[in-house]
PDB file of N, CA and C in Angstrom:
ATOM      1  N   MET A   1       0.836  -1.316  -0.244  1.00  0.00           N
ATOM      2  CA  MET A   1       0.033   0.050  -0.118  1.00  0.00           C
ATOM      3  C   MET A   1       0.967   1.300   0.065  1.00  0.00           C
ATOM      4  N   GLN A   2       0.776   2.167  -0.965  1.00  0.00           N
ATOM      5  CA  GLN A   2       1.082   3.418  -1.261  1.00  0.00           C
ATOM      6  C   GLN A   2       0.665   4.510   0.171  1.00  0.00           C
ATOM      7  N   GLU A   3       1.752   5.010   0.489  1.00  0.00           N
ATOM      8  CA  GLU A   3       1.332   6.210   1.641  1.00  0.00           C
ATOM      9  C   GLU A   3       0.846   7.618   1.055  1.00  0.00           C
ATOM     10  N   GLU A   4       0.182   7.768   1.255  1.00  0.00           N
ATOM     11  CA  GLU A   4      -0.528   9.090   1.206  1.00  0.00           C
ATOM     12  C   GLU A   4       0.128  10.321   1.554  1.00  0.00           C
ATOM     13  N   PRO A   5       0.120  11.411   0.990  1.00  0.00           N
ATOM     14  CA  PRO A   5       0.914  12.964   1.985  1.00  0.00           C
ATOM     15  C   PRO A   5       0.019  12.897   3.168  1.00  0.00           C
ATOM     16  N   ILE A   6       0.395  13.693   4.151  1.00  0.00           N
ATOM     17  CA  ILE A   6      -0.315  13.532   4.930  1.00  0.00           C
ATOM     18  C   ILE A   6      -1.288  15.121   4.910  1.00  0.00           C
ATOM     19  N   ASN A   7      -0.956  16.057   4.078  1.00  0.00           N
ATOM     20  CA  ASN A   7      -2.075  16.816   3.909  1.00  0.00           C
ATOM     21  C   ASN A   7      -2.956  16.463   2.617  1.00  0.00           C
ATOM     22  N   ASP A   8      -2.859  15.800   1.906  1.00  0.00           N
ATOM     23  CA  ASP A   8      -3.761  15.297   1.156  1.00  0.00           C
ATOM     24  C   ASP A   8      -5.298  14.369   1.965  1.00  0.00           C
ATOM     25  N   VAL A   9      -4.469  13.479   2.920  1.00  0.00           N
ATOM     26  CA  VAL A   9      -5.941  13.015   3.898  1.00  0.00           C
ATOM     27  C   VAL A   9      -6.989  14.239   4.227  1.00  0.00           C
ATOM     28  N   PHE A  10      -6.353  15.504   4.933  1.00  0.00           N
ATOM     29  CA  PHE A  10      -6.643  16.289   5.405  1.00  0.00           C
ATOM     30  C   PHE A  10      -8.691  16.405   4.772  1.00  0.00           C
ATOM     31  N   THR A  11      -8.290  16.488   3.264  1.00  0.00           N
ATOM     32  CA  THR A  11      -9.763  16.759   2.563  1.00  0.00           C
ATOM     33  C   THR A  11     -10.481  15.737   2.902  1.00  0.00           C
ATOM     34  N   LEU A  12     -10.135  14.244   3.150  1.00  0.00           N
ATOM     35  CA  LEU A  12     -11.442  13.269   3.530  1.00  0.00           C
ATOM     36  C   LEU A  12     -11.863  13.327   4.896  1.00  0.00           C
ATOM     37  N   VAL A  13     -11.231  14.345   5.899  1.00  0.00           N
ATOM     38  CA  VAL A  13     -11.877  14.251   6.985  1.00  0.00           C
ATOM     39  C   VAL A  13     -12.633  15.798   7.601  1.00  0.00           C
ATOM     40  N   ASP A  14     -13.632  15.549   8.361  1.00  0.00           N
ATOM     41  CA  ASP A  14     -14.123  16.519   8.693  1.00  0.00           C
ATOM     42  C   ASP A  14     -13.656  16.807  10.111  1.00  0.00           C
ATOM     43  N   PHE A  15     -13.280  16.540  10.828  1.00  0.00           N
ATOM     44  CA  PHE A  15     -12.862  16.852  12.418  1.00  0.00           C
ATOM     45  C   PHE A  15     -11.660  15.687  12.654  1.00  0.00           C
ATOM     46  N   ALA A  16     -10.264  16.371  12.919  1.00  0.00           N
ATOM     47  CA  ALA A  16      -9.442  15.757  13.827  1.00  0.00           C
ATOM     48  C   ALA A  16      -8.864  15.341  15.131  1.00  0.00           C
ATOM     49  N   PHE A  17      -8.021  14.463  15.719  1.00  0.00           N
ATOM     50  CA  PHE A  17      -7.419  14.667  17.170  1.00  0.00           C
ATOM     51  C   PHE A  17      -6.343  14.705  16.731  1.00  0.00           C
ATOM     52  N   PHE A  18      -5.302  15.002  17.581  1.00  0.00           N
ATOM     53  CA  PHE A  18      -3.922  15.575  17.376  1.00  0.00           C
ATOM     54  C   PHE A  18      -3.262  15.269  19.118  1.00  0.00           C
ATOM     55  N   ASP A  19      -2.224  15.021  18.888  1.00  0.00           N
ATOM     56  CA  ASP A  19      -1.066  15.003  19.876  1.00  0.00           C
ATOM     57  C   ASP A  19      -0.512  16.142  19.750  1.00  0.00           C
ATOM     58  N   ASN A  20       0.720  16.560  20.455  1.00  0.00           N
ATOM     59  CA  ASN A  20       1.504  17.160  20.411  1.00  0.00           C
ATOM     60  C   ASN A  20       2.401  17.451  19.024  1.00  0.00           C
ATOM     61  N   SER A  21       1.491  18.070  17.876  1.00  0.00           N
ATOM     62  CA  SER A  21       2.269  17.728  16.374  1.00  0.00           C
ATOM     63  C   SER A  21       2.276  19.041  15.884  1.00  0.00           C
ATOM     64  N   SER A  22       3.424  19.375  14.553  1.00  0.00           N
ATOM     65  CA  SER A  22       3.247  20.340  14.025  1.00  0.00           C
ATOM     66  C   SER A  22       2.273  19.979  12.683  1.00  0.00           C
ATOM     67  N   ILE A  23       1.586  18.344  12.685  1.00  0.00           N
ATOM     68  CA  ILE A  23       0.760  18.197  11.791  1.00  0.00           C
ATOM     69  C   ILE A  23      -0.762  19.172  11.843  1.00  0.00           C
ATOM     70  N   MET A  24      -0.675  19.348  13.099  1.00  0.00           N
ATOM     71  CA  MET A  24      -2.154  20.008  13.647  1.00  0.00           C
ATOM     72  C   MET A  24      -2.373  21.325  13.417  1.00  0.00           C
ATOM     73  N   ILE A  25      -0.746  22.287  12.981  1.00  0.00           N
ATOM     74  CA  ILE A  25      -1.049  23.367  13.022  1.00  0.00           C
ATOM     75  C   ILE A  25      -1.196  23.490  10.927  1.00  0.00           C
ATOM     76  N   ASP A  26      -0.895  22.387  10.781  1.00  0.00           N
ATOM     77  CA  ASP A  26      -1.272  22.378   8.630  1.00  0.00           C
ATOM     78  C   ASP A  26      -2.685  22.193   8.619  1.00  0.00           C
ATOM     79  N   TYR A  27      -3.137  21.275   9.646  1.00  0.00           N
ATOM     80  CA  TYR A  27      -4.276  20.853   9.754  1.00  0.00           C
ATOM     81  C   TYR A  27      -5.719  22.008   9.707  1.00  0.00           C
ATOM     82  N   LEU A  28      -4.793  23.316  10.718  1.00  0.00           N
ATOM     83  CA  LEU A  28      -5.642  23.888  11.066  1.00  0.00           C
ATOM     84  C   LEU A  28      -5.679  24.665   9.649  1.00  0.00           C
ATOM     85  N   ASN A  29      -4.691  24.974   9.104  1.00  0.00           N
ATOM     86  CA  ASN A  29      -5.069  25.691   7.611  1.00  0.00           C
ATOM     87  C   ASN A  29      -6.111  25.573   6.975  1.00  0.00           C
ATOM     88  N   THR A  30      -7.047  24.234   7.326  1.00  0.00           N
ATOM     89  CA  THR A  30      -8.190  23.724   6.505  1.00  0.00           C
ATOM     90  C   THR A  30      -9.333  24.430   6.779  1.00  0.00           C
ATOM     91  N   LEU A  31      -9.274  24.944   8.462  1.00  0.00           N
ATOM     92  CA  LEU A  31     -10.340  25.683   8.886  1.00  0.00           C
ATOM     93  C   LEU A  31     -11.462  24.603   9.166  1.00  0.00           C
ATOM     94  N   LYS A  32     -10.981  23.454   9.436  1.00  0.00           N
ATOM     95  CA  LYS A  32     -11.713  22.206   9.735  1.00  0.00           C
ATOM     96  C   LYS A  32     -12.052  22.393  11.470  1.00  0.00           C
ATOM     97  N   SER A  33     -12.762  21.692  12.274  1.00  0.00           N
ATOM     98  CA  SER A  33     -12.578  21.834  13.285  1.00  0.00           C
ATOM     99  C   SER A  33     -11.533  20.503  14.022  1.00  0.00           C
ATOM    100  N   ALA A  34     -10.841  20.534  15.162  1.00  0.00           N
ATOM    101  CA  ALA A  34     -10.108  19.481  15.403  1.00  0.00           C
ATOM    102  C   ALA A  34      -9.705  19.360  17.241  1.00  0.00           C
ATOM    103  N   ALA A  35      -9.356  18.336  17.493  1.00  0.00           N
ATOM    104  CA  ALA A  35      -9.382  18.838  19.385  1.00  0.00           C
ATOM    105  C   ALA A  35      -7.621  17.731  19.319  1.00  0.00           C
ATOM    106  N   TYR A  36      -7.346  18.688  20.386  1.00  0.00           N
ATOM    107  CA  TYR A  36      -6.254  18.184  20.953  1.00  0.00           C
ATOM    108  C   TYR A  36      -5.888  17.389  22.016  1.00  0.00           C
ATOM    109  N   ILE A  37      -4.903  16.069  21.950  1.00  0.00           N
ATOM    110  CA  ILE A  37      -5.157  15.048  22.961  1.00  0.00           C
ATOM    111  C   ILE A  37      -3.906  14.839  23.698  1.00  0.00           C
ATOM    112  N   GLU A  38      -3.638  14.961  24.913  1.00  0.00           N
ATOM    113  CA  GLU A  38      -2.509  15.235  25.742  1.00  0.00           C
ATOM    114  C   GLU A  38      -2.733  13.717  26.378  1.00  0.00           C
ATOM    115  N   ILE A  39      -1.683  12.943  26.622  1.00  0.00           N
ATOM    116  CA  ILE A  39      -1.249  11.772  26.640  1.00  0.00           C
ATOM    117  C   ILE A  39      -0.349  11.581  28.289  1.00  0.00           C
ATOM    118  N   ARG A  40      -1.414  11.389  29.482  1.00  0.00           N
ATOM    119  CA  ARG A  40      -0.769  11.832  30.417  1.00  0.00           C
ATOM    120  C   ARG A  40       0.530  10.717  30.932  1.00  0.00           C
ATOM    121  N   ASN A  41       1.108  10.680  31.336  1.00  0.00           N
ATOM    122  CA  ASN A  41       2.359   9.754  31.728  1.00  0.00           C
ATOM    123  C   ASN A  41       1.448   8.013  32.048  1.00  0.00           C
ATOM    124  N   ASP A  42       0.515   8.369  32.904  1.00  0.00           N
ATOM    125  CA  ASP A  42       0.280   6.883  33.406  1.00  0.00           C
ATOM    126  C   ASP A  42      -0.689   6.411  32.603  1.00  0.00           C
ATOM    127  N   GLN A  43      -1.003   7.021  31.324  1.00  0.00           N
ATOM    128  CA  GLN A  43      -2.049   6.264  30.161  1.00  0.00           C
ATOM    129  C   GLN A  43      -1.092   5.983  28.908  1.00  0.00           C
ATOM    130  N   LYS A  44      -1.741   4.782  28.308  1.00  0.00           N
ATOM    131  CA  LYS A  44      -0.826   4.056  27.682  1.00  0.00           C
ATOM    132  C   LYS A  44      -1.941   4.290  26.248  1.00  0.00           C
ATOM    133  N   MET A  45      -1.316   4.182  25.292  1.00  0.00           N
ATOM    134  CA  MET A  45      -1.614   4.682  24.001  1.00  0.00           C
ATOM    135  C   MET A  45      -2.104   4.484  23.412  1.00  0.00           C
ATOM    136  N   ASN A  46      -2.462   2.733  23.920  1.00  0.00           N
ATOM    137  CA  ASN A  46      -3.584   1.809  23.402  1.00  0.00           C
ATOM    138  C   ASN A  46      -4.892   2.086  24.091  1.00  0.00           C
ATOM    139  N   ASP A  47      -4.886   2.534  25.335  1.00  0.00           N
ATOM    140  CA  ASP A  47      -6.303   3.063  26.006  1.00  0.00           C
ATOM    141  C   ASP A  47      -6.819   3.816  25.178  1.00  0.00           C
ATOM    142  N   LEU A  48      -6.330   5.046  24.170  1.00  0.00           N
ATOM    143  CA  LEU A  48      -7.034   5.708  23.711  1.00  0.00           C
ATOM    144  C   LEU A  48      -7.369   5.168  22.452  1.00  0.00           C
ATOM    145  N   THR A  49      -6.330   4.686  21.719  1.00  0.00           N
ATOM    146  CA  THR A  49      -6.811   4.313  20.156  1.00  0.00           C
ATOM    147  C   THR A  49      -8.007   3.202  20.232  1.00  0.00           C
ATOM    148  N   ALA A  50      -8.165   2.295  21.836  1.00  0.00           N
ATOM    149  CA  ALA A  50      -9.430   1.705  21.784  1.00  0.00           C
ATOM    150  C   ALA A  50     -10.809   2.580  21.571  1.00  0.00           C
ATOM    151  N   CYS A  51     -10.298   3.953  21.983  1.00  0.00           N
ATOM    152  CA  CYS A  51     -11.888   4.803  21.571  1.00  0.00           C
ATOM    153  C   CYS A  51     -12.100   5.341  20.285  1.00  0.00           C
ATOM    154  N   PHE A  52     -11.504   4.803  18.937  1.00  0.00           N
ATOM    155  CA  PHE A  52     -11.489   5.358  18.091  1.00  0.00           C
ATOM    156  C   PHE A  52     -11.353   4.375  16.938  1.00  0.00           C
ATOM    157  N   HIS A  53     -12.137   4.524  15.814  1.00  0.00           N
ATOM    158  CA  HIS A  53     -12.408   3.610  14.874  1.00  0.00           C
ATOM    159  C   HIS A  53     -11.285   4.269  13.582  1.00  0.00           C
ATOM    160  N   THR A  54     -10.670   3.613  13.102  1.00  0.00           N
ATOM    161  CA  THR A  54      -9.695   4.058  11.829  1.00  0.00           C
ATOM    162  C   THR A  54     -10.679   3.512  10.796  1.00  0.00           C
ATOM    163  N   ILE A  55     -10.797   4.540   9.470  1.00  0.00           N
ATOM    164  CA  ILE A  55     -11.466   4.313   8.466  1.00  0.00           C
ATOM    165  C   ILE A  55     -10.540   3.948   7.268  1.00  0.00           C
ATOM    166  N   ASP A  56     -10.500   2.936   6.547  1.00  0.00           N
ATOM    167  CA  ASP A  56      -9.504   2.912   5.758  1.00  0.00           C
ATOM    168  C   ASP A  56     -10.621   1.925   4.748  1.00  0.00           C
ATOM    169  N   GLU A  57      -9.689   1.571   3.365  1.00  0.00           N
ATOM    170  CA  GLU A  57     -10.077   1.167   2.253  1.00  0.00           C
ATOM    171  C   GLU A  57     -11.365  -0.033   2.352  1.00  0.00           C
ATOM    172  N   PHE A  58     -11.331  -0.887   3.363  1.00  0.00           N
ATOM    173  CA  PHE A  58     -12.277  -2.194   3.987  1.00  0.00           C
ATOM    174  C   PHE A  58     -13.369  -1.334   4.338  1.00  0.00           C
ATOM    175  N   ASN A  59     -13.511  -0.333   4.887  1.00  0.00           N
ATOM    176  CA  ASN A  59     -15.094  -0.231   5.684  1.00  0.00           C
ATOM    177  C   ASN A  59     -15.504   1.064   5.344  1.00  0.00           C
ATOM    178  N   PHE A  60     -14.872   1.870   4.319  1.00  0.00           N
ATOM    179  CA  PHE A  60     -15.660   3.506   4.286  1.00  0.00           C
ATOM    180  C   PHE A  60     -16.660   2.899   2.734  1.00  0.00           C
ATOM    181  N   LYS A  61     -17.767   3.603   3.095  1.00  0.00           N
ATOM    182  CA  LYS A  61     -18.517   3.742   2.256  1.00  0.00           C
ATOM    183  C   LYS A  61     -18.787   5.175   1.548  1.00  0.00           C
ATOM    184  N   LYS A  62     -18.647   5.254   0.425  1.00  0.00           N
ATOM    185  CA  LYS A  62     -18.963   6.669  -0.529  1.00  0.00           C
ATOM    186  C   LYS A  62     -20.505   6.694  -0.636  1.00  0.00           C
TER     187      LYS A  62
END
């Protein structure tokens, strides 16, 4: 599978969650809604990702 440039993905979403990343600054230029997530030291990334659903070519419906 070929990876897409991250800025191309921005057109596919209406809302995005970000950690402390410069990618969020690029996304804000789209004027779409976003949320910042801070991961605490006692929190595992798997705890967070269990709350989100990934949309990919197998479950995306046009």
